[in-house]
ModelCIF file with pLDDT and N, C-alpha, C, O atoms, coordinates in Angstrom:
data_MODEL
#
_entry.id   MODEL 
#
_entity.id                         1 
_entity.type                       polymer 
_entity.pdbx_number_of_molecules   1 
#
_entity_poly.entity_id                      1 
_entity_poly.type                           'polypeptide(L)' 
_entity_poly.nstd_linkage                   no 
_entity_poly.nstd_monomer                   no 
_entity_poly.pdbx_seq_one_letter_code       NGTNETKLWYNEEQHIFIKNNTLYFCSVSDVYSLDLGEV 
_entity_poly.pdbx_seq_one_letter_code_can   NGTNETKLWYNEEQHIFIKNNTLYFCSVSDVYSLDLGEV 
_entity_poly.pdbx_strand_id                 A 
#
loop_
_entity_poly_seq.entity_id 
_entity_poly_seq.num 
_entity_poly_seq.mon_id 
_entity_poly_seq.hetero 
1 1  ASN n 
1 2  GLY n 
1 3  THR n 
1 4  ASN n 
1 5  GLU n 
1 6  THR n 
1 7  LYS n 
1 8  LEU n 
1 9  TRP n 
1 10 TYR n 
1 11 ASN n 
1 12 GLU n 
1 13 GLU n 
1 14 GLN n 
1 15 HIS n 
1 16 ILE n 
1 17 PHE n 
1 18 ILE n 
1 19 LYS n 
1 20 ASN n 
1 21 ASN n 
1 22 THR n 
1 23 LEU n 
1 24 TYR n 
1 25 PHE n 
1 26 CYS n 
1 27 SER n 
1 28 VAL n 
1 29 SER n 
1 30 ASP n 
1 31 VAL n 
1 32 TYR n 
1 33 SER n 
1 34 LEU n 
1 35 ASP n 
1 36 LEU n 
1 37 GLY n 
1 38 GLU n 
1 39 VAL n 
#
_struct_asym.id          A 
_struct_asym.entity_id   1 
#
loop_
_ma_qa_metric.id 
_ma_qa_metric.mode 
_ma_qa_metric.name 
_ma_qa_metric.software_group_id 
_ma_qa_metric.type 
1 global pLDDT . pLDDT 
2 local  pLDDT . pLDDT 
#
_ma_qa_metric_global.metric_id      1 
_ma_qa_metric_global.metric_value   88.13 
_ma_qa_metric_global.model_id       1 
_ma_qa_metric_global.ordinal_id     1 
#
loop_
_ma_qa_metric_local.label_asym_id 
_ma_qa_metric_local.label_comp_id 
_ma_qa_metric_local.label_seq_id 
_ma_qa_metric_local.metric_id 
_ma_qa_metric_local.metric_value 
_ma_qa_metric_local.model_id 
_ma_qa_metric_local.ordinal_id 
A ASN 1  2 87.00 1 1  
A GLY 2  2 87.00 1 2  
A THR 3  2 84.00 1 3  
A ASN 4  2 87.00 1 4  
A GLU 5  2 91.00 1 5  
A THR 6  2 92.00 1 6  
A LYS 7  2 92.00 1 7  
A LEU 8  2 93.00 1 8  
A TRP 9  2 90.00 1 9  
A TYR 10 2 85.00 1 10 
A ASN 11 2 81.00 1 11 
A GLU 12 2 71.00 1 12 
A GLU 13 2 75.00 1 13 
A GLN 14 2 75.00 1 14 
A HIS 15 2 82.00 1 15 
A ILE 16 2 88.00 1 16 
A PHE 17 2 91.00 1 17 
A ILE 18 2 93.00 1 18 
A LYS 19 2 91.00 1 19 
A ASN 20 2 93.00 1 20 
A ASN 21 2 95.00 1 21 
A THR 22 2 95.00 1 22 
A LEU 23 2 94.00 1 23 
A TYR 24 2 93.00 1 24 
A PHE 25 2 90.00 1 25 
A CYS 26 2 85.00 1 26 
A SER 27 2 79.00 1 27 
A VAL 28 2 75.00 1 28 
A SER 29 2 83.00 1 29 
A ASP 30 2 88.00 1 30 
A VAL 31 2 91.00 1 31 
A TYR 32 2 92.00 1 32 
A SER 33 2 93.00 1 33 
A LEU 34 2 94.00 1 34 
A ASP 35 2 94.00 1 35 
A LEU 36 2 95.00 1 36 
A GLY 37 2 92.00 1 37 
A GLU 38 2 90.00 1 38 
A VAL 39 2 91.00 1 39 
#
loop_
_atom_site.group_PDB 
_atom_site.id 
_atom_site.type_symbol 
_atom_site.label_atom_id 
_atom_site.label_alt_id 
_atom_site.label_comp_id 
_atom_site.label_asym_id 
_atom_site.label_entity_id 
_atom_site.label_seq_id 
_atom_site.pdbx_PDB_ins_code 
_atom_site.Cartn_x 
_atom_site.Cartn_y 
_atom_site.Cartn_z 
_atom_site.occupancy 
_atom_site.B_iso_or_equiv 
_atom_site.pdbx_formal_charge 
_atom_site.auth_seq_id 
_atom_site.auth_comp_id 
_atom_site.auth_asym_id 
_atom_site.auth_atom_id 
_atom_site.pdbx_PDB_model_num 
ATOM 1   N N  . ASN A 1 1  ? 6.159   1.031   17.242  1.00 87.00 ? 1  ASN A N  1 
ATOM 2   C CA . ASN A 1 1  ? 7.343   1.480   17.915  1.00 87.00 ? 1  ASN A CA 1 
ATOM 3   C C  . ASN A 1 1  ? 8.537   1.683   16.932  1.00 87.00 ? 1  ASN A C  1 
ATOM 4   O O  . ASN A 1 1  ? 9.675   1.861   17.365  1.00 87.00 ? 1  ASN A O  1 
ATOM 5   N N  . GLY A 1 2  ? 8.271   1.655   15.680  1.00 87.00 ? 2  GLY A N  1 
ATOM 6   C CA . GLY A 1 2  ? 9.299   1.947   14.695  1.00 87.00 ? 2  GLY A CA 1 
ATOM 7   C C  . GLY A 1 2  ? 10.133  0.775   14.333  1.00 87.00 ? 2  GLY A C  1 
ATOM 8   O O  . GLY A 1 2  ? 11.147  0.978   13.664  1.00 87.00 ? 2  GLY A O  1 
ATOM 9   N N  . THR A 1 3  ? 9.820   -0.431  14.702  1.00 84.00 ? 3  THR A N  1 
ATOM 10  C CA . THR A 1 3  ? 10.627  -1.603  14.314  1.00 84.00 ? 3  THR A CA 1 
ATOM 11  C C  . THR A 1 3  ? 9.886   -2.366  13.239  1.00 84.00 ? 3  THR A C  1 
ATOM 12  O O  . THR A 1 3  ? 8.726   -2.059  12.966  1.00 84.00 ? 3  THR A O  1 
ATOM 13  N N  . ASN A 1 4  ? 10.481  -3.297  12.652  1.00 87.00 ? 4  ASN A N  1 
ATOM 14  C CA . ASN A 1 4  ? 9.886   -4.221  11.630  1.00 87.00 ? 4  ASN A CA 1 
ATOM 15  C C  . ASN A 1 4  ? 9.350   -3.403  10.441  1.00 87.00 ? 4  ASN A C  1 
ATOM 16  O O  . ASN A 1 4  ? 8.212   -3.600  10.017  1.00 87.00 ? 4  ASN A O  1 
ATOM 17  N N  . GLU A 1 5  ? 10.155  -2.504  9.915   1.00 91.00 ? 5  GLU A N  1 
ATOM 18  C CA . GLU A 1 5  ? 9.744   -1.802  8.696   1.00 91.00 ? 5  GLU A CA 1 
ATOM 19  C C  . GLU A 1 5  ? 9.752   -2.712  7.502   1.00 91.00 ? 5  GLU A C  1 
ATOM 20  O O  . GLU A 1 5  ? 10.687  -3.477  7.264   1.00 91.00 ? 5  GLU A O  1 
ATOM 21  N N  . THR A 1 6  ? 8.638   -2.597  6.733   1.00 92.00 ? 6  THR A N  1 
ATOM 22  C CA . THR A 1 6  ? 8.501   -3.436  5.546   1.00 92.00 ? 6  THR A CA 1 
ATOM 23  C C  . THR A 1 6  ? 8.160   -2.505  4.384   1.00 92.00 ? 6  THR A C  1 
ATOM 24  O O  . THR A 1 6  ? 7.365   -1.571  4.495   1.00 92.00 ? 6  THR A O  1 
ATOM 25  N N  . LYS A 1 7  ? 8.818   -2.822  3.254   1.00 92.00 ? 7  LYS A N  1 
ATOM 26  C CA . LYS A 1 7  ? 8.542   -2.043  2.015   1.00 92.00 ? 7  LYS A CA 1 
ATOM 27  C C  . LYS A 1 7  ? 7.411   -2.838  1.321   1.00 92.00 ? 7  LYS A C  1 
ATOM 28  O O  . LYS A 1 7  ? 7.530   -4.037  1.068   1.00 92.00 ? 7  LYS A O  1 
ATOM 29  N N  . LEU A 1 8  ? 6.308   -2.114  1.024   1.00 93.00 ? 8  LEU A N  1 
ATOM 30  C CA . LEU A 1 8  ? 5.134   -2.809  0.451   1.00 93.00 ? 8  LEU A CA 1 
ATOM 31  C C  . LEU A 1 8  ? 5.008   -2.543  -1.091  1.00 93.00 ? 8  LEU A C  1 
ATOM 32  O O  . LEU A 1 8  ? 4.344   -3.300  -1.800  1.00 93.00 ? 8  LEU A O  1 
ATOM 33  N N  . TRP A 1 9  ? 5.644   -1.480  -1.575  1.00 90.00 ? 9  TRP A N  1 
ATOM 34  C CA . TRP A 1 9  ? 5.572   -1.149  -2.993  1.00 90.00 ? 9  TRP A CA 1 
ATOM 35  C C  . TRP A 1 9  ? 6.832   -0.394  -3.358  1.00 90.00 ? 9  TRP A C  1 
ATOM 36  O O  . TRP A 1 9  ? 7.317   0.393   -2.545  1.00 90.00 ? 9  TRP A O  1 
ATOM 37  N N  . TYR A 1 10 ? 7.367   -0.588  -4.502  1.00 85.00 ? 10 TYR A N  1 
ATOM 38  C CA . TYR A 1 10 ? 8.657   -0.066  -4.850  1.00 85.00 ? 10 TYR A CA 1 
ATOM 39  C C  . TYR A 1 10 ? 8.698   1.342   -5.512  1.00 85.00 ? 10 TYR A C  1 
ATOM 40  O O  . TYR A 1 10 ? 9.777   1.886   -5.747  1.00 85.00 ? 10 TYR A O  1 
ATOM 41  N N  . ASN A 1 11 ? 7.539   1.904   -5.801  1.00 81.00 ? 11 ASN A N  1 
ATOM 42  C CA . ASN A 1 11 ? 7.484   3.173   -6.380  1.00 81.00 ? 11 ASN A CA 1 
ATOM 43  C C  . ASN A 1 11 ? 6.887   4.221   -5.353  1.00 81.00 ? 11 ASN A C  1 
ATOM 44  O O  . ASN A 1 11 ? 6.162   3.838   -4.435  1.00 81.00 ? 11 ASN A O  1 
ATOM 45  N N  . GLU A 1 12 ? 7.193   5.481   -5.524  1.00 71.00 ? 12 GLU A N  1 
ATOM 46  C CA . GLU A 1 12 ? 6.595   6.521   -4.788  1.00 71.00 ? 12 GLU A CA 1 
ATOM 47  C C  . GLU A 1 12 ? 5.251   6.820   -5.457  1.00 71.00 ? 12 GLU A C  1 
ATOM 48  O O  . GLU A 1 12 ? 5.189   7.258   -6.606  1.00 71.00 ? 12 GLU A O  1 
ATOM 49  N N  . GLU A 1 13 ? 4.185   6.570   -4.703  1.00 75.00 ? 13 GLU A N  1 
ATOM 50  C CA . GLU A 1 13 ? 2.838   6.795   -5.264  1.00 75.00 ? 13 GLU A CA 1 
ATOM 51  C C  . GLU A 1 13 ? 2.211   8.014   -4.664  1.00 75.00 ? 13 GLU A C  1 
ATOM 52  O O  . GLU A 1 13 ? 2.773   8.619   -3.751  1.00 75.00 ? 13 GLU A O  1 
ATOM 53  N N  . GLN A 1 14 ? 1.078   8.379   -5.150  1.00 75.00 ? 14 GLN A N  1 
ATOM 54  C CA . GLN A 1 14 ? 0.454   9.668   -4.715  1.00 75.00 ? 14 GLN A CA 1 
ATOM 55  C C  . GLN A 1 14 ? -0.377  9.557   -3.482  1.00 75.00 ? 14 GLN A C  1 
ATOM 56  O O  . GLN A 1 14 ? -0.264  10.424  -2.615  1.00 75.00 ? 14 GLN A O  1 
ATOM 57  N N  . HIS A 1 15 ? -1.176  8.593   -3.339  1.00 82.00 ? 15 HIS A N  1 
ATOM 58  C CA . HIS A 1 15 ? -2.079  8.435   -2.252  1.00 82.00 ? 15 HIS A CA 1 
ATOM 59  C C  . HIS A 1 15 ? -2.239  6.989   -1.784  1.00 82.00 ? 15 HIS A C  1 
ATOM 60  O O  . HIS A 1 15 ? -2.121  6.058   -2.580  1.00 82.00 ? 15 HIS A O  1 
ATOM 61  N N  . ILE A 1 16 ? -2.511  6.805   -0.480  1.00 88.00 ? 16 ILE A N  1 
ATOM 62  C CA . ILE A 1 16 ? -2.815  5.506   0.025   1.00 88.00 ? 16 ILE A CA 1 
ATOM 63  C C  . ILE A 1 16 ? -4.101  5.602   0.849   1.00 88.00 ? 16 ILE A C  1 
ATOM 64  O O  . ILE A 1 16 ? -4.442  6.649   1.399   1.00 88.00 ? 16 ILE A O  1 
ATOM 65  N N  . PHE A 1 17 ? -4.807  4.448   0.911   1.00 91.00 ? 17 PHE A N  1 
ATOM 66  C CA . PHE A 1 17 ? -6.009  4.347   1.704   1.00 91.00 ? 17 PHE A CA 1 
ATOM 67  C C  . PHE A 1 17 ? -6.184  2.931   2.096   1.00 91.00 ? 17 PHE A C  1 
ATOM 68  O O  . PHE A 1 17 ? -5.949  2.036   1.284   1.00 91.00 ? 17 PHE A O  1 
ATOM 69  N N  . ILE A 1 18 ? -6.594  2.678   3.328   1.00 93.00 ? 18 ILE A N  1 
ATOM 70  C CA . ILE A 1 18 ? -6.760  1.276   3.811   1.00 93.00 ? 18 ILE A CA 1 
ATOM 71  C C  . ILE A 1 18 ? -8.237  1.053   4.194   1.00 93.00 ? 18 ILE A C  1 
ATOM 72  O O  . ILE A 1 18 ? -8.832  1.848   4.922   1.00 93.00 ? 18 ILE A O  1 
ATOM 73  N N  . LYS A 1 19 ? -8.792  -0.022  3.695   1.00 91.00 ? 19 LYS A N  1 
ATOM 74  C CA . LYS A 1 19 ? -10.174 -0.379  4.006   1.00 91.00 ? 19 LYS A CA 1 
ATOM 75  C C  . LYS A 1 19 ? -10.251 -1.918  3.996   1.00 91.00 ? 19 LYS A C  1 
ATOM 76  O O  . LYS A 1 19 ? -9.762  -2.574  3.077   1.00 91.00 ? 19 LYS A O  1 
ATOM 77  N N  . ASN A 1 20 ? -10.862 -2.452  5.017   1.00 93.00 ? 20 ASN A N  1 
ATOM 78  C CA . ASN A 1 20 ? -11.038 -3.900  5.093   1.00 93.00 ? 20 ASN A CA 1 
ATOM 79  C C  . ASN A 1 20 ? -9.815  -4.714  4.835   1.00 93.00 ? 20 ASN A C  1 
ATOM 80  O O  . ASN A 1 20 ? -9.841  -5.657  4.045   1.00 93.00 ? 20 ASN A O  1 
ATOM 81  N N  . ASN A 1 21 ? -8.725  -4.355  5.501   1.00 95.00 ? 21 ASN A N  1 
ATOM 82  C CA . ASN A 1 21 ? -7.420  -5.040  5.422   1.00 95.00 ? 21 ASN A CA 1 
ATOM 83  C C  . ASN A 1 21 ? -6.829  -4.999  4.032   1.00 95.00 ? 21 ASN A C  1 
ATOM 84  O O  . ASN A 1 21 ? -5.985  -5.835  3.707   1.00 95.00 ? 21 ASN A O  1 
ATOM 85  N N  . THR A 1 22 ? -7.244  -4.048  3.190   1.00 95.00 ? 22 THR A N  1 
ATOM 86  C CA . THR A 1 22 ? -6.671  -3.877  1.848   1.00 95.00 ? 22 THR A CA 1 
ATOM 87  C C  . THR A 1 22 ? -6.110  -2.470  1.734   1.00 95.00 ? 22 THR A C  1 
ATOM 88  O O  . THR A 1 22 ? -6.751  -1.483  2.096   1.00 95.00 ? 22 THR A O  1 
ATOM 89  N N  . LEU A 1 23 ? -4.878  -2.415  1.212   1.00 94.00 ? 23 LEU A N  1 
ATOM 90  C CA . LEU A 1 23 ? -4.215  -1.168  0.894   1.00 94.00 ? 23 LEU A CA 1 
ATOM 91  C C  . LEU A 1 23 ? -4.489  -0.781  -0.503  1.00 94.00 ? 23 LEU A C  1 
ATOM 92  O O  . LEU A 1 23 ? -4.195  -1.531  -1.434  1.00 94.00 ? 23 LEU A O  1 
ATOM 93  N N  . TYR A 1 24 ? -5.073  0.424   -0.683  1.00 93.00 ? 24 TYR A N  1 
ATOM 94  C CA . TYR A 1 24 ? -5.331  0.940   -2.042  1.00 93.00 ? 24 TYR A CA 1 
ATOM 95  C C  . TYR A 1 24 ? -4.335  2.091   -2.244  1.00 93.00 ? 24 TYR A C  1 
ATOM 96  O O  . TYR A 1 24 ? -4.063  2.881   -1.340  1.00 93.00 ? 24 TYR A O  1 
ATOM 97  N N  . PHE A 1 25 ? -3.796  2.148   -3.500  1.00 90.00 ? 25 PHE A N  1 
ATOM 98  C CA . PHE A 1 25 ? -2.882  3.250   -3.762  1.00 90.00 ? 25 PHE A CA 1 
ATOM 99  C C  . PHE A 1 25 ? -3.019  3.603   -5.270  1.00 90.00 ? 25 PHE A C  1 
ATOM 100 O O  . PHE A 1 25 ? -3.460  2.791   -6.084  1.00 90.00 ? 25 PHE A O  1 
ATOM 101 N N  . CYS A 1 26 ? -2.624  4.837   -5.591  1.00 85.00 ? 26 CYS A N  1 
ATOM 102 C CA . CYS A 1 26 ? -2.774  5.316   -6.947  1.00 85.00 ? 26 CYS A CA 1 
ATOM 103 C C  . CYS A 1 26 ? -1.429  5.737   -7.480  1.00 85.00 ? 26 CYS A C  1 
ATOM 104 O O  . CYS A 1 26 ? -0.597  6.282   -6.755  1.00 85.00 ? 26 CYS A O  1 
ATOM 105 N N  . SER A 1 27 ? -1.223  5.476   -8.771  1.00 79.00 ? 27 SER A N  1 
ATOM 106 C CA . SER A 1 27 ? -0.105  6.023   -9.446  1.00 79.00 ? 27 SER A CA 1 
ATOM 107 C C  . SER A 1 27 ? -0.648  7.078   -10.351 1.00 79.00 ? 27 SER A C  1 
ATOM 108 O O  . SER A 1 27 ? -1.741  7.577   -10.081 1.00 79.00 ? 27 SER A O  1 
ATOM 109 N N  . VAL A 1 28 ? 0.029   7.462   -11.412 1.00 75.00 ? 28 VAL A N  1 
ATOM 110 C CA . VAL A 1 28 ? -0.420  8.513   -12.295 1.00 75.00 ? 28 VAL A CA 1 
ATOM 111 C C  . VAL A 1 28 ? -1.803  8.253   -12.844 1.00 75.00 ? 28 VAL A C  1 
ATOM 112 O O  . VAL A 1 28 ? -2.656  9.140   -12.822 1.00 75.00 ? 28 VAL A O  1 
ATOM 113 N N  . SER A 1 29 ? -2.044  7.025   -13.347 1.00 83.00 ? 29 SER A N  1 
ATOM 114 C CA . SER A 1 29 ? -3.402  6.821   -13.889 1.00 83.00 ? 29 SER A CA 1 
ATOM 115 C C  . SER A 1 29 ? -3.968  5.441   -13.489 1.00 83.00 ? 29 SER A C  1 
ATOM 116 O O  . SER A 1 29 ? -5.026  5.048   -13.981 1.00 83.00 ? 29 SER A O  1 
ATOM 117 N N  . ASP A 1 30 ? -3.301  4.734   -12.638 1.00 88.00 ? 30 ASP A N  1 
ATOM 118 C CA . ASP A 1 30 ? -3.703  3.350   -12.193 1.00 88.00 ? 30 ASP A CA 1 
ATOM 119 C C  . ASP A 1 30 ? -4.092  3.330   -10.734 1.00 88.00 ? 30 ASP A C  1 
ATOM 120 O O  . ASP A 1 30 ? -3.575  4.100   -9.925  1.00 88.00 ? 30 ASP A O  1 
ATOM 121 N N  . VAL A 1 31 ? -5.029  2.420   -10.401 1.00 91.00 ? 31 VAL A N  1 
ATOM 122 C CA . VAL A 1 31 ? -5.410  2.160   -9.026  1.00 91.00 ? 31 VAL A CA 1 
ATOM 123 C C  . VAL A 1 31 ? -5.064  0.764   -8.681  1.00 91.00 ? 31 VAL A C  1 
ATOM 124 O O  . VAL A 1 31 ? -5.417  -0.157  -9.418  1.00 91.00 ? 31 VAL A O  1 
ATOM 125 N N  . TYR A 1 32 ? -4.357  0.554   -7.542  1.00 92.00 ? 32 TYR A N  1 
ATOM 126 C CA . TYR A 1 32 ? -3.877  -0.732  -7.163  1.00 92.00 ? 32 TYR A CA 1 
ATOM 127 C C  . TYR A 1 32 ? -4.519  -1.120  -5.786  1.00 92.00 ? 32 TYR A C  1 
ATOM 128 O O  . TYR A 1 32 ? -5.006  -0.279  -5.030  1.00 92.00 ? 32 TYR A O  1 
ATOM 129 N N  . SER A 1 33 ? -4.479  -2.432  -5.529  1.00 93.00 ? 33 SER A N  1 
ATOM 130 C CA . SER A 1 33 ? -4.925  -2.946  -4.199  1.00 93.00 ? 33 SER A CA 1 
ATOM 131 C C  . SER A 1 33 ? -3.958  -4.072  -3.782  1.00 93.00 ? 33 SER A C  1 
ATOM 132 O O  . SER A 1 33 ? -3.515  -4.878  -4.601  1.00 93.00 ? 33 SER A O  1 
ATOM 133 N N  . LEU A 1 34 ? -3.657  -4.090  -2.497  1.00 94.00 ? 34 LEU A N  1 
ATOM 134 C CA . LEU A 1 34 ? -2.775  -5.053  -1.918  1.00 94.00 ? 34 LEU A CA 1 
ATOM 135 C C  . LEU A 1 34 ? -3.412  -5.640  -0.644  1.00 94.00 ? 34 LEU A C  1 
ATOM 136 O O  . LEU A 1 34 ? -3.658  -4.906  0.312   1.00 94.00 ? 34 LEU A O  1 
ATOM 137 N N  . ASP A 1 35 ? -3.678  -6.938  -0.626  1.00 94.00 ? 35 ASP A N  1 
ATOM 138 C CA . ASP A 1 35 ? -4.232  -7.593  0.527   1.00 94.00 ? 35 ASP A CA 1 
ATOM 139 C C  . ASP A 1 35 ? -3.146  -7.587  1.669   1.00 94.00 ? 35 ASP A C  1 
ATOM 140 O O  . ASP A 1 35 ? -2.099  -8.221  1.537   1.00 94.00 ? 35 ASP A O  1 
ATOM 141 N N  . LEU A 1 36 ? -3.429  -6.863  2.773   1.00 95.00 ? 36 LEU A N  1 
ATOM 142 C CA . LEU A 1 36 ? -2.448  -6.779  3.835   1.00 95.00 ? 36 LEU A CA 1 
ATOM 143 C C  . LEU A 1 36 ? -2.272  -8.070  4.608   1.00 95.00 ? 36 LEU A C  1 
ATOM 144 O O  . LEU A 1 36 ? -1.307  -8.244  5.353   1.00 95.00 ? 36 LEU A O  1 
ATOM 145 N N  . GLY A 1 37 ? -3.240  -8.990  4.412   1.00 92.00 ? 37 GLY A N  1 
ATOM 146 C CA . GLY A 1 37 ? -3.085  -10.353 5.014   1.00 92.00 ? 37 GLY A CA 1 
ATOM 147 C C  . GLY A 1 37 ? -1.926  -11.125 4.414   1.00 92.00 ? 37 GLY A C  1 
ATOM 148 O O  . GLY A 1 37 ? -1.434  -12.085 5.009   1.00 92.00 ? 37 GLY A O  1 
ATOM 149 N N  . GLU A 1 38 ? -1.481  -10.694 3.204   1.00 90.00 ? 38 GLU A N  1 
ATOM 150 C CA . GLU A 1 38 ? -0.401  -11.397 2.518   1.00 90.00 ? 38 GLU A CA 1 
ATOM 151 C C  . GLU A 1 38 ? 0.969   -10.891 2.985   1.00 90.00 ? 38 GLU A C  1 
ATOM 152 O O  . GLU A 1 38 ? 2.000   -11.485 2.667   1.00 90.00 ? 38 GLU A O  1 
ATOM 153 N N  . VAL A 1 39 ? 0.969   -9.781  3.749   1.00 91.00 ? 39 VAL A N  1 
ATOM 154 C CA . VAL A 1 39 ? 2.275   -9.174  4.160   1.00 91.00 ? 39 VAL A CA 1 
ATOM 155 C C  . VAL A 1 39 ? 2.697   -9.868  5.477   1.00 91.00 ? 39 VAL A C  1 
ATOM 156 O O  . VAL A 1 39 ? 3.748   -9.550  6.033   1.00 91.00 ? 39 VAL A O  1 
#
C-alpha cells in the first residue's frame, strides 16, 4: 500500500532479481546478494 519504504542499497544498480528470499543485483561488473530475512 506504499507505506514502510526501506532503502536496501545506496547505489542505482542495473538489475534486480529475487529468489528464495534473496535479492540479487548487479552493478557494472559485480553481482551482489542480500538476504531479505535480515531486512
